[in-house]
Amino acid sequence: MDSARVRSLASEILALPDPERQQLAREVLPALLGTRAGFEEIDEALRDFSDDELRAMIARARRRASDLSEDEVAAIIAEGLRAARAPGRR
């Protein structure tokens, strides 16, 4: 997909009314966040959080996925960070 098409889609999305953007986020965001670029953006955004904000986010994630062990949570986070920081990913 060329960059002009991406810019066009981005403009169209940003112009949507809030309820439609919310629905689009629920339907599309999980797929986008699972991409290399998604992991990179998550990694970059996490750098801006304070330690307290990160702790709160982790606590919320643990409550939502209470069936995961600490080792599983750590492995998921580590894999996401590895994917985002891998050579040639920028």
C-alpha atoms as a PDB file:
ATOM      1  CA  MET A   1       0.000   0.000   0.000  1.00  0.00           C
ATOM      2  CA  ASP A   2       1.507   3.330  -0.952  1.00  0.00           C
ATOM      3  CA  SER A   3       1.904   6.184   1.494  1.00  0.00           C
ATOM      4  CA  ALA A   4      -0.720   8.325  -0.275  1.00  0.00           C
ATOM      5  CA  ARG A   5      -3.315   5.605   0.366  1.00  0.00           C
ATOM      6  CA  VAL A   6      -2.255   5.360   4.017  1.00  0.00           C
ATOM      7  CA  ARG A   7      -2.526   9.139   4.458  1.00  0.00           C
ATOM      8  CA  SER A   8      -5.948   9.067   2.815  1.00  0.00           C
ATOM      9  CA  LEU A   9      -7.161   6.304   5.132  1.00  0.00           C
ATOM     10  CA  ALA A  10      -5.759   8.104   8.172  1.00  0.00           C
ATOM     11  CA  SER A  11      -7.523  11.333   7.192  1.00  0.00           C
ATOM     12  CA  GLU A  12     -10.769   9.486   6.632  1.00  0.00           C
ATOM     13  CA  ILE A  13     -10.515   7.734  10.001  1.00  0.00           C
ATOM     14  CA  LEU A  14      -9.710  10.953  11.856  1.00  0.00           C
ATOM     15  CA  ALA A  15     -12.749  12.628  10.281  1.00  0.00           C
ATOM     16  CA  LEU A  16     -15.162   9.948  11.518  1.00  0.00           C
ATOM     17  CA  PRO A  17     -17.574  10.794  14.322  1.00  0.00           C
ATOM     18  CA  ASP A  18     -16.401   9.512  17.704  1.00  0.00           C
ATOM     19  CA  PRO A  19     -18.840   6.551  17.889  1.00  0.00           C
ATOM     20  CA  GLU A  20     -17.618   5.274  14.526  1.00  0.00           C
ATOM     21  CA  ARG A  21     -13.952   5.726  15.516  1.00  0.00           C
ATOM     22  CA  GLN A  22     -14.654   3.805  18.727  1.00  0.00           C
ATOM     23  CA  GLN A  23     -16.231   0.941  16.767  1.00  0.00           C
ATOM     24  CA  LEU A  24     -13.372   0.932  14.268  1.00  0.00           C
ATOM     25  CA  ALA A  25     -10.846   0.816  17.106  1.00  0.00           C
ATOM     26  CA  ARG A  26     -12.575  -2.213  18.634  1.00  0.00           C
ATOM     27  CA  GLU A  27     -12.643  -4.024  15.300  1.00  0.00           C
ATOM     28  CA  VAL A  28      -9.255  -3.088  13.819  1.00  0.00           C
ATOM     29  CA  LEU A  29      -6.912  -1.978  16.588  1.00  0.00           C
ATOM     30  CA  PRO A  30      -6.070  -5.474  17.877  1.00  0.00           C
ATOM     31  CA  ALA A  31      -4.852  -6.475  14.418  1.00  0.00           C
ATOM     32  CA  LEU A  32      -2.804  -3.295  14.036  1.00  0.00           C
ATOM     33  CA  LEU A  33      -1.217  -3.538  17.476  1.00  0.00           C
ATOM     34  CA  GLY A  34       0.000  -7.056  16.719  1.00  0.00           C
ATOM     35  CA  THR A  35       2.174  -5.845  13.851  1.00  0.00           C
ATOM     36  CA  ARG A  36       5.857  -4.954  14.123  1.00  0.00           C
ATOM     37  CA  ALA A  37       4.979  -1.253  13.833  1.00  0.00           C
ATOM     38  CA  GLY A  38       2.320  -1.689  16.498  1.00  0.00           C
ATOM     39  CA  PHE A  39       4.818  -3.200  18.920  1.00  0.00           C
ATOM     40  CA  GLU A  40       7.266  -0.403  18.152  1.00  0.00           C
ATOM     41  CA  GLU A  41       4.639   2.246  18.895  1.00  0.00           C
ATOM     42  CA  ILE A  42       3.622   0.494  22.127  1.00  0.00           C
ATOM     43  CA  ASP A  43       7.264   0.320  23.197  1.00  0.00           C
ATOM     44  CA  GLU A  44       7.749   4.014  22.410  1.00  0.00           C
ATOM     45  CA  ALA A  45       4.582   5.014  24.280  1.00  0.00           C
ATOM     46  CA  LEU A  46       5.593   3.018  27.356  1.00  0.00           C
ATOM     47  CA  ARG A  47       8.783   5.063  27.638  1.00  0.00           C
ATOM     48  CA  ASP A  48       6.663   8.129  28.409  1.00  0.00           C
ATOM     49  CA  PHE A  49       4.831   6.538  31.354  1.00  0.00           C
ATOM     50  CA  SER A  50       5.926   7.078  34.927  1.00  0.00           C
ATOM     51  CA  ASP A  51       6.716   4.045  37.078  1.00  0.00           C
ATOM     52  CA  ASP A  52       3.375   4.487  38.873  1.00  0.00           C
ATOM     53  CA  GLU A  53       1.488   4.581  35.565  1.00  0.00           C
ATOM     54  CA  LEU A  54       3.266   1.422  34.399  1.00  0.00           C
ATOM     55  CA  ARG A  55       2.478  -0.351  37.682  1.00  0.00           C
ATOM     56  CA  ALA A  56      -1.197   0.595  37.362  1.00  0.00           C
ATOM     57  CA  MET A  57      -1.305  -0.649  33.768  1.00  0.00           C
ATOM     58  CA  ILE A  58       0.311  -3.960  34.712  1.00  0.00           C
ATOM     59  CA  ALA A  59      -2.071  -4.397  37.645  1.00  0.00           C
ATOM     60  CA  ARG A  60      -5.049  -3.821  35.354  1.00  0.00           C
ATOM     61  CA  ALA A  61      -3.719  -6.296  32.784  1.00  0.00           C
ATOM     62  CA  ARG A  62      -3.203  -8.899  35.517  1.00  0.00           C
ATOM     63  CA  ARG A  63      -6.786  -8.465  36.721  1.00  0.00           C
ATOM     64  CA  ARG A  64      -8.100  -8.929  33.182  1.00  0.00           C
ATOM     65  CA  ALA A  65      -5.951 -12.001  32.529  1.00  0.00           C
ATOM     66  CA  SER A  66      -5.975 -13.482  36.007  1.00  0.00           C
ATOM     67  CA  ASP A  67      -5.559 -17.003  34.656  1.00  0.00           C
ATOM     68  CA  LEU A  68      -2.013 -16.225  33.425  1.00  0.00           C
ATOM     69  CA  SER A  69       0.943 -16.948  35.664  1.00  0.00           C
ATOM     70  CA  GLU A  70       3.638 -14.360  36.392  1.00  0.00           C
ATOM     71  CA  ASP A  71       5.991 -16.282  34.093  1.00  0.00           C
ATOM     72  CA  GLU A  72       3.467 -16.213  31.247  1.00  0.00           C
ATOM     73  CA  VAL A  73       2.886 -12.469  31.681  1.00  0.00           C
ATOM     74  CA  ALA A  74       6.642 -11.837  31.715  1.00  0.00           C
ATOM     75  CA  ALA A  75       7.122 -13.968  28.592  1.00  0.00           C
ATOM     76  CA  ILE A  76       4.392 -12.089  26.702  1.00  0.00           C
ATOM     77  CA  ILE A  77       5.843  -8.697  27.626  1.00  0.00           C
ATOM     78  CA  ALA A  78       9.391  -9.816  26.796  1.00  0.00           C
ATOM     79  CA  GLU A  79       8.347 -11.157  23.392  1.00  0.00           C
ATOM     80  CA  GLY A  80       6.590  -7.920  22.516  1.00  0.00           C
ATOM     81  CA  LEU A  81       9.618  -5.862  23.493  1.00  0.00           C
ATOM     82  CA  ARG A  82      11.990  -8.185  21.604  1.00  0.00           C
ATOM     83  CA  ALA A  83       9.867  -7.870  18.487  1.00  0.00           C
ATOM     84  CA  ALA A  84       9.823  -4.089  18.750  1.00  0.00           C
ATOM     85  CA  ARG A  85      13.557  -3.767  19.370  1.00  0.00           C
ATOM     86  CA  ALA A  86      14.828  -6.375  16.905  1.00  0.00           C
ATOM     87  CA  PRO A  87      17.504  -5.125  14.466  1.00  0.00           C
ATOM     88  CA  GLY A  88      16.108  -3.842  11.190  1.00  0.00           C
ATOM     89  CA  ARG A  89      12.729  -3.038  12.697  1.00  0.00           C
ATOM     90  CA  ARG A  90      13.036   0.734  12.461  1.00  0.00           C
END
